[in-house]
All heavy atoms as atom14 arrays in JSON, in Angstrom:
{
  "sequence": "FTEINHGAWLPRYGITQRVVRWIIGNPLYAITMIRHDITAGLF",
  "atom14_mask": [
    [1, 1, 1, 1, 1, 1, 1, 1, 1, 1, 1, 0, 0, 0],
    [1, 1, 1, 1, 1, 1, 1, 0, 0, 0, 0, 0, 0, 0],
    [1, 1, 1, 1, 1, 1, 1, 1, 1, 0, 0, 0, 0, 0],
    [1, 1, 1, 1, 1, 1, 1, 1, 0, 0, 0, 0, 0, 0],
    [1, 1, 1, 1, 1, 1, 1, 1, 0, 0, 0, 0, 0, 0],
    [1, 1, 1, 1, 1, 1, 1, 1, 1, 1, 0, 0, 0, 0],
    [1, 1, 1, 1, 0, 0, 0, 0, 0, 0, 0, 0, 0, 0],
    [1, 1, 1, 1, 1, 0, 0, 0, 0, 0, 0, 0, 0, 0],
    [1, 1, 1, 1, 1, 1, 1, 1, 1, 1, 1, 1, 1, 1],
    [1, 1, 1, 1, 1, 1, 1, 1, 0, 0, 0, 0, 0, 0],
    [1, 1, 1, 1, 1, 1, 1, 0, 0, 0, 0, 0, 0, 0],
    [1, 1, 1, 1, 1, 1, 1, 1, 1, 1, 1, 0, 0, 0],
    [1, 1, 1, 1, 1, 1, 1, 1, 1, 1, 1, 1, 0, 0],
    [1, 1, 1, 1, 0, 0, 0, 0, 0, 0, 0, 0, 0, 0],
    [1, 1, 1, 1, 1, 1, 1, 1, 0, 0, 0, 0, 0, 0],
    [1, 1, 1, 1, 1, 1, 1, 0, 0, 0, 0, 0, 0, 0],
    [1, 1, 1, 1, 1, 1, 1, 1, 1, 0, 0, 0, 0, 0],
    [1, 1, 1, 1, 1, 1, 1, 1, 1, 1, 1, 0, 0, 0],
    [1, 1, 1, 1, 1, 1, 1, 0, 0, 0, 0, 0, 0, 0],
    [1, 1, 1, 1, 1, 1, 1, 0, 0, 0, 0, 0, 0, 0],
    [1, 1, 1, 1, 1, 1, 1, 1, 1, 1, 1, 0, 0, 0],
    [1, 1, 1, 1, 1, 1, 1, 1, 1, 1, 1, 1, 1, 1],
    [1, 1, 1, 1, 1, 1, 1, 1, 0, 0, 0, 0, 0, 0],
    [1, 1, 1, 1, 1, 1, 1, 1, 0, 0, 0, 0, 0, 0],
    [1, 1, 1, 1, 0, 0, 0, 0, 0, 0, 0, 0, 0, 0],
    [1, 1, 1, 1, 1, 1, 1, 1, 0, 0, 0, 0, 0, 0],
    [1, 1, 1, 1, 1, 1, 1, 0, 0, 0, 0, 0, 0, 0],
    [1, 1, 1, 1, 1, 1, 1, 1, 0, 0, 0, 0, 0, 0],
    [1, 1, 1, 1, 1, 1, 1, 1, 1, 1, 1, 1, 0, 0],
    [1, 1, 1, 1, 1, 0, 0, 0, 0, 0, 0, 0, 0, 0],
    [1, 1, 1, 1, 1, 1, 1, 1, 0, 0, 0, 0, 0, 0],
    [1, 1, 1, 1, 1, 1, 1, 0, 0, 0, 0, 0, 0, 0],
    [1, 1, 1, 1, 1, 1, 1, 1, 0, 0, 0, 0, 0, 0],
    [1, 1, 1, 1, 1, 1, 1, 1, 0, 0, 0, 0, 0, 0],
    [1, 1, 1, 1, 1, 1, 1, 1, 1, 1, 1, 0, 0, 0],
    [1, 1, 1, 1, 1, 1, 1, 1, 1, 1, 0, 0, 0, 0],
    [1, 1, 1, 1, 1, 1, 1, 1, 0, 0, 0, 0, 0, 0],
    [1, 1, 1, 1, 1, 1, 1, 1, 0, 0, 0, 0, 0, 0],
    [1, 1, 1, 1, 1, 1, 1, 0, 0, 0, 0, 0, 0, 0],
    [1, 1, 1, 1, 1, 0, 0, 0, 0, 0, 0, 0, 0, 0],
    [1, 1, 1, 1, 0, 0, 0, 0, 0, 0, 0, 0, 0, 0],
    [1, 1, 1, 1, 1, 1, 1, 1, 0, 0, 0, 0, 0, 0],
    [1, 1, 1, 1, 1, 1, 1, 1, 1, 1, 1, 0, 0, 0]
  ],
  "atom14_positions": [
    [[14.01, -16.31, -8.69], [14.93, -16.36, -7.56], [14.49, -15.45, -6.42], [14.43, -15.87, -5.28], [16.36, -15.99, -7.98], [17.02, -17.04, -8.83], [17.42, -16.75, -10.12], [17.24, -18.32, -8.36], [18.04, -17.69, -10.91], [17.86, -19.29, -9.14], [18.26, -18.98, -10.42], [0.0, 0.0, 0.0], [0.0, 0.0, 0.0], [0.0, 0.0, 0.0]],
    [[14.22, -14.19, -6.73], [13.85, -13.27, -5.65], [13.15, -12.04, -6.2], [13.22, -11.75, -7.4], [15.08, -12.86, -4.81], [14.65, -12.26, -3.59], [15.98, -11.89, -5.55], [0.0, 0.0, 0.0], [0.0, 0.0, 0.0], [0.0, 0.0, 0.0], [0.0, 0.0, 0.0], [0.0, 0.0, 0.0], [0.0, 0.0, 0.0], [0.0, 0.0, 0.0]],
    [[12.49, -11.34, -5.3], [11.77, -10.12, -5.65], [12.24, -8.98, -4.75], [12.41, -9.16, -3.54], [10.27, -10.33, -5.44], [9.44, -9.07, -5.65], [7.96, -9.3, -5.39], [7.29, -9.86, -6.26], [7.5, -8.93, -4.29], [0.0, 0.0, 0.0], [0.0, 0.0, 0.0], [0.0, 0.0, 0.0], [0.0, 0.0, 0.0], [0.0, 0.0, 0.0]],
    [[12.45, -7.84, -5.37], [12.7, -6.61, -4.63], [11.45, -5.76, -4.85], [11.15, -5.37, -5.98], [13.96, -5.88, -5.15], [15.17, -6.79, -4.97], [14.13, -4.54, -4.44], [16.41, -6.32, -5.7], [0.0, 0.0, 0.0], [0.0, 0.0, 0.0], [0.0, 0.0, 0.0], [0.0, 0.0, 0.0], [0.0, 0.0, 0.0], [0.0, 0.0, 0.0]],
    [[10.7, -5.53, -3.79], [9.43, -4.82, -3.9], [9.63, -3.33, -3.63], [9.5, -2.86, -2.5], [8.41, -5.42, -2.94], [7.04, -4.8, -3.08], [6.85, -3.86, -3.85], [6.09, -5.32, -2.34], [0.0, 0.0, 0.0], [0.0, 0.0, 0.0], [0.0, 0.0, 0.0], [0.0, 0.0, 0.0], [0.0, 0.0, 0.0], [0.0, 0.0, 0.0]],
    [[9.95, -2.59, -4.69], [10.11, -1.14, -4.54], [8.79, -0.49, -4.15], [8.78, 0.54, -3.47], [10.61, -0.52, -5.85], [12.01, -0.89, -6.21], [13.08, -0.71, -5.36], [12.51, -1.43, -7.34], [14.19, -1.13, -5.96], [13.88, -1.58, -7.15], [0.0, 0.0, 0.0], [0.0, 0.0, 0.0], [0.0, 0.0, 0.0], [0.0, 0.0, 0.0]],
    [[7.68, -1.07, -4.57], [6.36, -0.52, -4.26], [6.05, -0.51, -2.78], [5.16, 0.2, -2.34], [0.0, 0.0, 0.0], [0.0, 0.0, 0.0], [0.0, 0.0, 0.0], [0.0, 0.0, 0.0], [0.0, 0.0, 0.0], [0.0, 0.0, 0.0], [0.0, 0.0, 0.0], [0.0, 0.0, 0.0], [0.0, 0.0, 0.0], [0.0, 0.0, 0.0]],
    [[6.78, -1.27, -1.98], [6.54, -1.3, -0.54], [7.06, -0.04, 0.15], [6.5, 0.38, 1.17], [7.19, -2.54, 0.07], [0.0, 0.0, 0.0], [0.0, 0.0, 0.0], [0.0, 0.0, 0.0], [0.0, 0.0, 0.0], [0.0, 0.0, 0.0], [0.0, 0.0, 0.0], [0.0, 0.0, 0.0], [0.0, 0.0, 0.0], [0.0, 0.0, 0.0]],
    [[8.11, 0.56, -0.38], [8.68, 1.73, 0.29], [8.45, 3.04, -0.46], [8.57, 4.12, 0.12], [10.17, 1.53, 0.56], [11.03, 1.34, -0.65], [11.36, 0.16, -1.24], [11.66, 2.36, -1.44], [12.16, 0.37, -2.35], [12.35, 1.72, -2.49], [11.7, 3.75, -1.37], [13.07, 2.41, -3.45], [12.43, 4.44, -2.33], [13.1, 3.77, -3.35]],
    [[8.1, 2.96, -1.74], [7.89, 4.19, -2.52], [6.77, 5.09, -2.0], [6.87, 6.32, -2.11], [7.65, 3.83, -3.99], [8.88, 3.38, -4.77], [8.49, 2.89, -6.16], [9.93, 4.47, -4.84], [0.0, 0.0, 0.0], [0.0, 0.0, 0.0], [0.0, 0.0, 0.0], [0.0, 0.0, 0.0], [0.0, 0.0, 0.0], [0.0, 0.0, 0.0]],
    [[5.68, 4.54, -1.42], [4.63, 5.43, -0.9], [5.15, 6.43, 0.14], [4.58, 7.52, 0.3], [3.61, 4.46, -0.29], [3.77, 3.22, -1.12], [5.26, 3.14, -1.37], [0.0, 0.0, 0.0], [0.0, 0.0, 0.0], [0.0, 0.0, 0.0], [0.0, 0.0, 0.0], [0.0, 0.0, 0.0], [0.0, 0.0, 0.0], [0.0, 0.0, 0.0]],
    [[6.23, 6.09, 0.82], [6.83, 7.02, 1.78], [7.2, 8.34, 1.09], [7.25, 9.38, 1.7], [8.07, 6.37, 2.4], [8.9, 7.25, 3.29], [8.28, 7.64, 4.61], [7.83, 6.46, 5.32], [6.78, 6.45, 6.14], [6.09, 7.54, 6.35], [6.42, 5.36, 6.75], [0.0, 0.0, 0.0], [0.0, 0.0, 0.0], [0.0, 0.0, 0.0]],
    [[7.44, 8.27, -0.22], [7.84, 9.44, -1.0], [6.74, 9.9, -1.95], [7.0, 10.6, -2.92], [9.13, 9.12, -1.77], [10.27, 8.87, -0.8], [10.54, 7.57, -0.37], [11.02, 9.91, -0.29], [11.56, 7.33, 0.54], [12.03, 9.67, 0.62], [12.29, 8.39, 1.03], [13.29, 8.15, 1.94], [0.0, 0.0, 0.0], [0.0, 0.0, 0.0]],
    [[5.51, 9.45, -1.69], [4.38, 9.91, -2.47], [4.18, 9.17, -3.79], [3.36, 9.59, -4.61], [0.0, 0.0, 0.0], [0.0, 0.0, 0.0], [0.0, 0.0, 0.0], [0.0, 0.0, 0.0], [0.0, 0.0, 0.0], [0.0, 0.0, 0.0], [0.0, 0.0, 0.0], [0.0, 0.0, 0.0], [0.0, 0.0, 0.0], [0.0, 0.0, 0.0]],
    [[4.9, 8.09, -4.02], [4.76, 7.32, -5.26], [3.96, 6.06, -4.92], [4.43, 5.2, -4.19], [6.13, 6.95, -5.84], [6.94, 8.21, -6.14], [5.96, 6.09, -7.1], [8.39, 7.95, -6.49], [0.0, 0.0, 0.0], [0.0, 0.0, 0.0], [0.0, 0.0, 0.0], [0.0, 0.0, 0.0], [0.0, 0.0, 0.0], [0.0, 0.0, 0.0]],
    [[2.76, 5.98, -5.46], [1.88, 4.86, -5.12], [1.84, 3.77, -6.19], [1.15, 2.78, -6.03], [0.45, 5.36, -4.86], [-0.01, 6.05, -6.03], [0.42, 6.3, -3.66], [0.0, 0.0, 0.0], [0.0, 0.0, 0.0], [0.0, 0.0, 0.0], [0.0, 0.0, 0.0], [0.0, 0.0, 0.0], [0.0, 0.0, 0.0], [0.0, 0.0, 0.0]],
    [[2.58, 3.95, -7.24], [2.65, 2.98, -8.33], [3.27, 1.68, -7.81], [4.29, 1.7, -7.13], [3.51, 3.58, -9.44], [3.61, 2.79, -10.68], [4.42, 3.56, -11.74], [5.05, 4.57, -11.46], [4.39, 3.06, -12.95], [0.0, 0.0, 0.0], [0.0, 0.0, 0.0], [0.0, 0.0, 0.0], [0.0, 0.0, 0.0], [0.0, 0.0, 0.0]],
    [[2.66, 0.56, -8.15], [3.23, -0.72, -7.75], [4.37, -1.07, -8.7], [4.26, -0.93, -9.91], [2.16, -1.81, -7.76], [1.11, -1.53, -6.68], [0.17, -2.67, -6.47], [-0.68, -2.89, -7.62], [-1.48, -3.93, -7.77], [-1.53, -4.88, -6.85], [-2.23, -4.05, -8.84], [0.0, 0.0, 0.0], [0.0, 0.0, 0.0], [0.0, 0.0, 0.0]],
    [[5.47, -1.53, -8.11], [6.65, -1.86, -8.91], [7.49, -2.9, -8.17], [7.76, -2.76, -6.98], [7.48, -0.6, -9.24], [7.86, 0.17, -7.99], [8.72, -0.94, -10.04], [0.0, 0.0, 0.0], [0.0, 0.0, 0.0], [0.0, 0.0, 0.0], [0.0, 0.0, 0.0], [0.0, 0.0, 0.0], [0.0, 0.0, 0.0], [0.0, 0.0, 0.0]],
    [[7.84, -3.96, -8.91], [8.71, -5.0, -8.36], [9.84, -5.28, -9.34], [9.68, -5.16, -10.56], [7.95, -6.32, -8.04], [6.96, -6.12, -6.92], [7.28, -6.89, -9.28], [0.0, 0.0, 0.0], [0.0, 0.0, 0.0], [0.0, 0.0, 0.0], [0.0, 0.0, 0.0], [0.0, 0.0, 0.0], [0.0, 0.0, 0.0], [0.0, 0.0, 0.0]],
    [[10.95, -5.63, -8.79], [12.11, -6.06, -9.58], [12.31, -7.53, -9.29], [12.47, -7.92, -8.13], [13.32, -5.24, -9.16], [14.59, -5.58, -9.89], [15.66, -4.62, -9.43], [16.97, -5.07, -9.77], [18.07, -4.6, -9.22], [18.0, -3.66, -8.3], [19.23, -5.06, -9.6], [0.0, 0.0, 0.0], [0.0, 0.0, 0.0], [0.0, 0.0, 0.0]],
    [[12.28, -8.33, -10.34], [12.44, -9.77, -10.2], [13.79, -10.2, -10.73], [14.21, -9.77, -11.81], [11.36, -10.5, -10.98], [10.04, -10.61, -10.28], [9.63, -9.94, -9.16], [8.94, -11.44, -10.67], [8.36, -10.31, -8.83], [7.91, -11.22, -9.74], [8.74, -12.33, -11.71], [6.69, -11.88, -9.83], [7.52, -12.98, -11.79], [6.51, -12.76, -10.85]],
    [[14.43, -11.07, -9.99], [15.66, -11.72, -10.44], [15.25, -13.13, -10.87], [14.71, -13.9, -10.06], [16.72, -11.79, -9.32], [16.89, -10.45, -8.6], [18.03, -12.35, -9.88], [17.31, -9.3, -9.45], [0.0, 0.0, 0.0], [0.0, 0.0, 0.0], [0.0, 0.0, 0.0], [0.0, 0.0, 0.0], [0.0, 0.0, 0.0], [0.0, 0.0, 0.0]],
    [[15.47, -13.43, -12.15], [15.06, -14.72, -12.7], [16.21, -15.3, -13.51], [17.11, -14.57, -13.94], [13.79, -14.6, -13.58], [14.08, -13.78, -14.84], [12.65, -13.99, -12.78], [12.97, -13.81, -15.87], [0.0, 0.0, 0.0], [0.0, 0.0, 0.0], [0.0, 0.0, 0.0], [0.0, 0.0, 0.0], [0.0, 0.0, 0.0], [0.0, 0.0, 0.0]],
    [[16.17, -16.58, -13.73], [17.22, -17.17, -14.55], [17.14, -18.66, -14.6], [16.12, -19.27, -14.26], [0.0, 0.0, 0.0], [0.0, 0.0, 0.0], [0.0, 0.0, 0.0], [0.0, 0.0, 0.0], [0.0, 0.0, 0.0], [0.0, 0.0, 0.0], [0.0, 0.0, 0.0], [0.0, 0.0, 0.0], [0.0, 0.0, 0.0], [0.0, 0.0, 0.0]],
    [[18.24, -19.25, -14.97], [18.39, -20.69, -15.04], [19.89, -20.94, -15.15], [20.53, -20.47, -16.09], [17.65, -21.24, -16.27], [17.74, -22.73, -16.41], [18.71, -23.35, -16.0], [16.73, -23.32, -17.03], [0.0, 0.0, 0.0], [0.0, 0.0, 0.0], [0.0, 0.0, 0.0], [0.0, 0.0, 0.0], [0.0, 0.0, 0.0], [0.0, 0.0, 0.0]],
    [[20.48, -21.67, -14.2], [21.93, -21.91, -14.28], [22.33, -22.66, -15.55], [23.46, -22.53, -16.01], [22.24, -22.72, -13.02], [20.93, -23.31, -12.6], [19.88, -22.34, -13.05], [0.0, 0.0, 0.0], [0.0, 0.0, 0.0], [0.0, 0.0, 0.0], [0.0, 0.0, 0.0], [0.0, 0.0, 0.0], [0.0, 0.0, 0.0], [0.0, 0.0, 0.0]],
    [[21.4, -23.41, -16.12], [21.71, -24.14, -17.35], [21.78, -23.18, -18.54], [22.47, -23.47, -19.52], [20.69, -25.25, -17.59], [20.51, -26.21, -16.4], [19.45, -27.25, -16.72], [21.82, -26.84, -16.0], [0.0, 0.0, 0.0], [0.0, 0.0, 0.0], [0.0, 0.0, 0.0], [0.0, 0.0, 0.0], [0.0, 0.0, 0.0], [0.0, 0.0, 0.0]],
    [[21.08, -22.06, -18.46], [21.23, -21.0, -19.47], [22.52, -20.22, -19.18], [23.28, -19.9, -20.09], [20.07, -20.01, -19.43], [18.72, -20.54, -19.86], [17.59, -19.79, -19.62], [18.57, -21.76, -20.49], [16.33, -20.23, -20.01], [17.33, -22.22, -20.88], [16.2, -21.45, -20.64], [14.96, -21.89, -21.02], [0.0, 0.0, 0.0], [0.0, 0.0, 0.0]],
    [[22.74, -19.9, -17.92], [23.91, -19.08, -17.54], [25.22, -19.72, -17.98], [26.11, -19.04, -18.48], [23.91, -18.83, -16.04], [0.0, 0.0, 0.0], [0.0, 0.0, 0.0], [0.0, 0.0, 0.0], [0.0, 0.0, 0.0], [0.0, 0.0, 0.0], [0.0, 0.0, 0.0], [0.0, 0.0, 0.0], [0.0, 0.0, 0.0], [0.0, 0.0, 0.0]],
    [[25.34, -21.03, -17.81], [26.6, -21.68, -18.15], [26.9, -21.59, -19.64], [28.07, -21.57, -20.03], [26.64, -23.16, -17.66], [28.06, -23.73, -17.77], [25.65, -24.03, -18.41], [29.13, -22.98, -17.02], [0.0, 0.0, 0.0], [0.0, 0.0, 0.0], [0.0, 0.0, 0.0], [0.0, 0.0, 0.0], [0.0, 0.0, 0.0], [0.0, 0.0, 0.0]],
    [[25.87, -21.5, -20.48], [26.12, -21.4, -21.92], [26.87, -20.12, -22.26], [27.52, -20.05, -23.3], [24.82, -21.47, -22.74], [24.02, -20.31, -22.5], [24.03, -22.73, -22.44], [0.0, 0.0, 0.0], [0.0, 0.0, 0.0], [0.0, 0.0, 0.0], [0.0, 0.0, 0.0], [0.0, 0.0, 0.0], [0.0, 0.0, 0.0], [0.0, 0.0, 0.0]],
    [[26.79, -19.11, -21.39], [27.49, -17.85, -21.62], [28.76, -17.74, -20.78], [29.81, -17.37, -21.29], [26.55, -16.69, -21.33], [25.43, -16.62, -22.36], [23.99, -15.73, -21.81], [23.28, -16.88, -20.68], [0.0, 0.0, 0.0], [0.0, 0.0, 0.0], [0.0, 0.0, 0.0], [0.0, 0.0, 0.0], [0.0, 0.0, 0.0], [0.0, 0.0, 0.0]],
    [[28.63, -18.1, -19.51], [29.77, -17.94, -18.59], [30.96, -18.79, -19.02], [32.1, -18.39, -18.82], [29.33, -18.25, -17.15], [28.33, -17.16, -16.68], [30.51, -18.34, -16.21], [27.67, -17.46, -15.34], [0.0, 0.0, 0.0], [0.0, 0.0, 0.0], [0.0, 0.0, 0.0], [0.0, 0.0, 0.0], [0.0, 0.0, 0.0], [0.0, 0.0, 0.0]],
    [[30.71, -19.92, -19.67], [31.84, -20.76, -20.12], [32.65, -20.05, -21.2], [33.8, -20.39, -21.43], [31.36, -22.13, -20.59], [30.6, -22.11, -21.89], [30.29, -23.5, -22.51], [30.28, -24.6, -21.6], [29.24, -25.4, -21.36], [28.12, -25.2, -21.99], [29.34, -26.39, -20.51], [0.0, 0.0, 0.0], [0.0, 0.0, 0.0], [0.0, 0.0, 0.0]],
    [[32.07, -19.05, -21.87], [32.79, -18.32, -22.91], [33.38, -17.0, -22.42], [34.27, -16.44, -23.06], [31.87, -18.05, -24.11], [31.32, -19.3, -24.7], [32.12, -20.27, -25.27], [30.05, -19.77, -24.75], [31.36, -21.27, -25.69], [30.11, -21.0, -25.37], [0.0, 0.0, 0.0], [0.0, 0.0, 0.0], [0.0, 0.0, 0.0], [0.0, 0.0, 0.0]],
    [[32.87, -16.51, -21.29], [33.41, -15.28, -20.67], [32.88, -15.24, -19.25], [31.69, -15.02, -19.03], [32.98, -14.04, -21.46], [33.55, -12.75, -20.89], [34.1, -12.76, -19.76], [33.42, -11.71, -21.56], [0.0, 0.0, 0.0], [0.0, 0.0, 0.0], [0.0, 0.0, 0.0], [0.0, 0.0, 0.0], [0.0, 0.0, 0.0], [0.0, 0.0, 0.0]],
    [[33.76, -15.44, -18.31], [33.36, -15.5, -16.9], [32.65, -14.22, -16.47], [31.79, -14.24, -15.6], [34.57, -15.84, -16.0], [34.11, -16.34, -14.63], [35.51, -14.65, -15.85], [33.56, -17.72, -14.64], [0.0, 0.0, 0.0], [0.0, 0.0, 0.0], [0.0, 0.0, 0.0], [0.0, 0.0, 0.0], [0.0, 0.0, 0.0], [0.0, 0.0, 0.0]],
    [[32.98, -13.08, -17.1], [32.35, -11.82, -16.7], [30.89, -11.72, -17.14], [30.18, -10.83, -16.68], [33.14, -10.59, -17.23], [33.08, -10.56, -18.65], [34.57, -10.62, -16.74], [0.0, 0.0, 0.0], [0.0, 0.0, 0.0], [0.0, 0.0, 0.0], [0.0, 0.0, 0.0], [0.0, 0.0, 0.0], [0.0, 0.0, 0.0], [0.0, 0.0, 0.0]],
    [[30.42, -12.65, -17.96], [28.99, -12.7, -18.29], [28.17, -12.95, -17.02], [26.99, -12.6, -16.96], [28.71, -13.77, -19.34], [0.0, 0.0, 0.0], [0.0, 0.0, 0.0], [0.0, 0.0, 0.0], [0.0, 0.0, 0.0], [0.0, 0.0, 0.0], [0.0, 0.0, 0.0], [0.0, 0.0, 0.0], [0.0, 0.0, 0.0], [0.0, 0.0, 0.0]],
    [[28.81, -13.51, -16.0], [28.14, -13.74, -14.73], [27.7, -12.47, -14.04], [26.86, -12.51, -13.13], [0.0, 0.0, 0.0], [0.0, 0.0, 0.0], [0.0, 0.0, 0.0], [0.0, 0.0, 0.0], [0.0, 0.0, 0.0], [0.0, 0.0, 0.0], [0.0, 0.0, 0.0], [0.0, 0.0, 0.0], [0.0, 0.0, 0.0], [0.0, 0.0, 0.0]],
    [[28.24, -11.34, -14.46], [27.78, -10.06, -13.9], [26.33, -9.79, -14.26], [25.62, -9.1, -13.52], [28.67, -8.92, -14.42], [28.42, -7.52, -13.89], [28.57, -7.47, -12.37], [29.37, -6.54, -14.55], [0.0, 0.0, 0.0], [0.0, 0.0, 0.0], [0.0, 0.0, 0.0], [0.0, 0.0, 0.0], [0.0, 0.0, 0.0], [0.0, 0.0, 0.0]],
    [[25.85, -10.37, -15.35], [24.49, -10.11, -15.82], [23.64, -11.37, -15.89], [22.62, -11.4, -16.59], [24.53, -9.38, -17.16], [25.24, -8.06, -17.05], [26.5, -7.88, -17.59], [24.67, -7.01, -16.36], [27.16, -6.68, -17.48], [25.32, -5.79, -16.22], [26.57, -5.62, -16.78], [0.0, 0.0, 0.0], [0.0, 0.0, 0.0], [0.0, 0.0, 0.0]]
  ]
}
């Protein structure tokens, strides 16, 4: 779905390690949980 590239701004603070946070999923997987507890949508 999307990427948050922490590695793009971390060098400003002396951290040169590359690091990305990816948001991934599948709504067909999500519904198998959310139908049993709507708050599963938080994760």
